[in-house]
Amino acid sequence: RDQLSLVEKQMMAIKIIQQMNIEYQHLLHLRYFKGWSIEAIGDNVGYTYRWAWEKIHLAEKEFIALYEKVNDV
């Protein structure tokens, strides 16, 4: 049952992320599905740690807003 719940949550997260702009999708995928550090993400996209941190933070805020909308939180 716990395994099913985890899969359901992952599928919901993927559906929410697919609604976001491509840049945010890419950043969240690298951070949460591939497990990359913020520094590695910044290096990958050619920007500073600070830029990567700010963009990931904005992407997370958008994800939370979309999640709350879907789940009527």
Protein backbone atom coordinates (compact mmCIF):
# COMPACT_ATOMS: atom_id res chain seq x y z
CA ARG A 1 0.00 0.00 0.00
CA ASP A 2 2.78 2.45 0.87
CA GLN A 3 4.50 1.65 -2.43
CA LEU A 4 1.30 2.38 -4.35
CA SER A 5 0.84 5.65 -2.51
CA LEU A 6 4.40 6.68 -3.39
CA VAL A 7 3.86 5.86 -7.07
CA GLU A 8 0.59 7.83 -7.08
CA LYS A 9 2.34 10.84 -5.54
CA GLN A 10 5.17 10.62 -8.07
CA MET A 11 2.69 10.46 -10.94
CA MET A 12 0.84 13.50 -9.60
CA ALA A 13 4.14 15.37 -9.28
CA ILE A 14 5.02 14.53 -12.89
CA LYS A 15 1.62 15.75 -14.12
CA ILE A 16 2.03 19.01 -12.23
CA ILE A 17 5.57 19.55 -13.49
CA GLN A 18 4.40 18.97 -17.07
CA GLN A 19 2.13 22.01 -16.70
CA MET A 20 5.10 24.27 -15.89
CA ASN A 21 7.33 26.11 -18.33
CA ILE A 22 10.16 24.10 -19.89
CA GLU A 23 12.92 25.78 -17.88
CA TYR A 24 11.24 24.95 -14.57
CA GLN A 25 10.51 21.40 -15.74
CA HIS A 26 14.18 20.91 -16.56
CA LEU A 27 15.41 22.35 -13.25
CA LEU A 28 13.01 20.31 -11.12
CA HIS A 29 13.79 17.15 -13.08
CA LEU A 30 17.51 17.57 -12.48
CA ARG A 31 17.04 18.43 -8.81
CA TYR A 32 14.40 15.95 -7.69
CA PHE A 33 14.40 13.10 -10.18
CA LYS A 34 18.13 12.93 -10.94
CA GLY A 35 19.24 14.17 -7.51
CA TRP A 36 21.66 16.79 -8.78
CA SER A 37 23.03 19.43 -6.43
CA ILE A 38 22.19 23.07 -7.04
CA GLU A 39 25.84 23.68 -7.91
CA ALA A 40 25.79 20.89 -10.51
CA ILE A 41 22.59 22.28 -12.03
CA GLY A 42 24.14 25.75 -12.28
CA ASP A 43 27.20 24.26 -13.96
CA ASN A 44 25.01 22.25 -16.34
CA VAL A 45 23.00 25.22 -17.53
CA GLY A 46 25.97 27.61 -17.47
CA TYR A 47 24.95 29.87 -14.60
CA THR A 48 26.07 30.62 -11.07
CA TYR A 49 25.00 28.78 -7.96
CA ARG A 50 22.95 31.82 -6.90
CA TRP A 51 21.09 31.92 -10.23
CA ALA A 52 20.35 28.20 -10.04
CA TRP A 53 19.18 28.48 -6.42
CA GLU A 54 16.84 31.37 -7.25
CA LYS A 55 15.37 29.65 -10.30
CA ILE A 56 14.85 26.37 -8.45
CA HIS A 57 13.21 28.26 -5.59
CA LEU A 58 10.80 29.96 -8.03
CA ALA A 59 10.07 26.62 -9.69
CA GLU A 60 9.33 25.05 -6.29
CA LYS A 61 6.96 27.90 -5.39
CA GLU A 62 5.10 27.44 -8.68
CA PHE A 63 4.95 23.67 -8.14
CA ILE A 64 3.48 24.17 -4.64
CA ALA A 65 0.88 26.62 -5.96
CA LEU A 66 -0.17 24.17 -8.69
CA TYR A 67 -0.23 21.27 -6.19
CA GLU A 68 -2.45 23.23 -3.82
CA LYS A 69 -4.77 24.14 -6.70
CA VAL A 70 -5.10 20.48 -7.73
CA ASN A 71 -5.64 19.30 -4.15
CA ASP A 72 -7.80 22.20 -2.94
CA VAL A 73 -5.42 22.87 -0.05
